[in-house]
Amino acid sequence: MSVLTMAPTLGDLLKFECNPSYCREVVTLKAGTNYPLGAVLGRITASGHYRLAPAALVAGDDGAEIASAVLTEAVDASAGDAIGVVLARGPVILSQLVLTFDASVDLPAERTAKITQLAALGLVARATS
């Protein structure tokens, strides 16, 4: 008998949200990536587009190194810029287990730094399922 594995859903990520009309925003995601649900994003200062928040400054994507939103749905922007809905401000409680980070955020201290940046916006990540 085969085992079916279901991808995470918004219910797996979002544990509490005060008011969706206040906490969420529609944003433009930078082309070149297939963004998963729970992606930790940073805002590129020059364009206002969002991308996965890298561990350090990336030339041309200044500002994106600061985690400023979490994606509420999977979005394929591999072929071009795409629109997505993000959690941009709290109060919100998220499951830390569903958050997805940029490949450069590979050390525990870097992940903690991104989670701390989100907490400053009221997006609190808890180690819960």
Protein backbone atom coordinates (compact mmCIF):
# COMPACT_ATOMS: atom_id res chain seq x y z
CA MET A 1 0.00 0.00 0.00
CA SER A 2 1.44 3.38 -1.00
CA VAL A 3 1.70 6.27 1.42
CA LEU A 4 0.33 9.64 0.38
CA THR A 5 2.06 12.76 1.60
CA MET A 6 0.16 16.02 1.61
CA ALA A 7 1.92 19.34 1.15
CA PRO A 8 1.54 21.87 3.97
CA THR A 9 -1.58 24.04 3.88
CA LEU A 10 -2.34 27.51 5.20
CA GLY A 11 -3.84 25.85 8.29
CA ASP A 12 -0.49 24.19 8.98
CA LEU A 13 1.32 27.55 8.77
CA LEU A 14 -1.14 30.01 10.29
CA LYS A 15 -2.15 29.31 13.89
CA PHE A 16 -3.68 32.71 14.77
CA GLU A 17 -4.42 35.87 12.84
CA CYS A 18 -6.10 38.94 14.30
CA ASN A 19 -7.74 40.23 11.12
CA PRO A 20 -6.89 39.13 7.55
CA SER A 21 -7.84 42.56 6.19
CA TYR A 22 -5.20 44.14 8.43
CA CYS A 23 -2.47 41.48 8.47
CA ARG A 24 -2.28 40.54 4.77
CA GLU A 25 -1.08 42.37 1.68
CA VAL A 26 -0.92 41.59 -2.03
CA VAL A 27 2.67 41.90 -3.27
CA THR A 28 4.76 41.29 -6.39
CA LEU A 29 7.25 38.42 -6.16
CA LYS A 30 10.53 38.65 -8.04
CA ALA A 31 10.85 36.37 -11.06
CA GLY A 32 13.07 33.32 -11.11
CA THR A 33 11.78 31.28 -8.18
CA ASN A 34 9.01 28.84 -7.38
CA TYR A 35 7.98 30.19 -3.95
CA PRO A 36 6.55 27.69 -1.44
CA LEU A 37 3.86 28.33 1.16
CA GLY A 38 5.54 29.77 4.25
CA ALA A 39 8.40 31.41 2.36
CA VAL A 40 10.16 34.04 4.48
CA LEU A 41 10.44 37.08 2.22
CA GLY A 42 12.34 40.35 2.16
CA ARG A 43 11.39 43.51 0.24
CA ILE A 44 13.79 44.84 -2.41
CA THR A 45 14.07 48.56 -1.71
CA ALA A 46 14.54 49.74 -5.31
CA SER A 47 11.66 47.85 -6.94
CA GLY A 48 9.35 47.05 -4.03
CA HIS A 49 9.27 43.42 -5.18
CA TYR A 50 9.67 40.58 -2.68
CA ARG A 51 12.07 37.62 -2.77
CA LEU A 52 13.27 34.95 -0.37
CA ALA A 53 15.15 36.82 2.36
CA PRO A 54 18.86 35.94 2.01
CA ALA A 55 21.23 35.65 4.96
CA ALA A 56 23.24 38.69 3.84
CA LEU A 57 23.06 41.61 1.42
CA VAL A 58 22.79 40.58 -2.24
CA ALA A 59 23.95 43.19 -4.77
CA GLY A 60 20.97 44.57 -6.66
CA ASP A 61 18.48 43.26 -4.09
CA ASP A 62 19.27 45.71 -1.29
CA GLY A 63 16.78 45.51 1.57
CA ALA A 64 15.70 41.94 0.88
CA GLU A 65 18.06 40.63 3.56
CA ILE A 66 15.59 41.84 6.20
CA ALA A 67 12.69 39.39 6.65
CA SER A 68 9.49 41.40 6.24
CA ALA A 69 6.71 39.00 5.20
CA VAL A 70 5.61 35.36 4.98
CA LEU A 71 3.90 33.95 1.89
CA THR A 72 0.43 32.45 2.47
CA GLU A 73 0.32 30.35 -0.71
CA ALA A 74 2.67 28.64 -3.11
CA VAL A 75 3.43 30.88 -6.11
CA ASP A 76 5.33 29.94 -9.25
CA ALA A 77 7.28 32.99 -10.39
CA SER A 78 9.89 31.02 -12.32
CA ALA A 79 8.77 32.48 -15.68
CA GLY A 80 8.21 36.07 -14.55
CA ASP A 81 7.12 38.34 -11.74
CA ALA A 82 4.00 37.04 -9.98
CA ILE A 83 1.43 38.27 -7.48
CA GLY A 84 1.15 36.68 -4.03
CA VAL A 85 -0.58 37.25 -0.72
CA VAL A 86 1.66 37.69 2.32
CA LEU A 87 1.35 38.12 6.04
CA ALA A 88 2.96 41.54 6.50
CA ARG A 89 2.04 42.54 10.06
CA GLY A 90 0.64 41.02 13.21
CA PRO A 91 -0.66 40.00 15.52
CA VAL A 92 -0.09 36.62 13.89
CA ILE A 93 1.17 33.29 15.22
CA LEU A 94 2.92 31.00 12.73
CA SER A 95 4.21 27.46 12.94
CA GLN A 96 7.99 27.64 12.73
CA LEU A 97 8.01 24.13 11.25
CA VAL A 98 6.34 25.34 8.03
CA LEU A 99 8.54 28.40 7.42
CA THR A 100 10.79 28.11 4.36
CA PHE A 101 14.04 30.06 4.14
CA ASP A 102 16.39 31.05 1.34
CA ALA A 103 19.16 28.48 0.72
CA SER A 104 21.72 30.95 2.14
CA VAL A 105 19.93 30.90 5.52
CA ASP A 106 21.39 27.56 6.56
CA LEU A 107 22.72 28.15 10.08
CA PRO A 108 20.56 28.11 13.22
CA ALA A 109 21.71 31.64 14.13
CA GLU A 110 20.64 32.93 10.69
CA ARG A 111 17.21 31.34 11.02
CA THR A 112 16.85 32.81 14.50
CA ALA A 113 17.75 36.25 13.11
CA LYS A 114 15.02 35.97 10.43
CA ILE A 115 12.45 34.82 13.00
CA THR A 116 13.43 37.77 15.23
CA GLN A 117 12.97 40.18 12.30
CA LEU A 118 9.48 38.76 11.69
CA ALA A 119 8.62 39.03 15.39
CA ALA A 120 9.39 42.77 15.27
CA LEU A 121 6.46 43.01 12.79
CA GLY A 122 4.15 40.99 15.03
CA LEU A 123 4.64 37.77 13.05
CA VAL A 124 5.49 35.39 15.89
CA ALA A 125 6.83 31.96 14.92
CA ARG A 126 6.37 29.18 17.45
CA ALA A 127 7.85 25.69 17.41
CA THR A 128 4.45 24.03 17.14
CA SER A 129 2.71 21.84 14.59
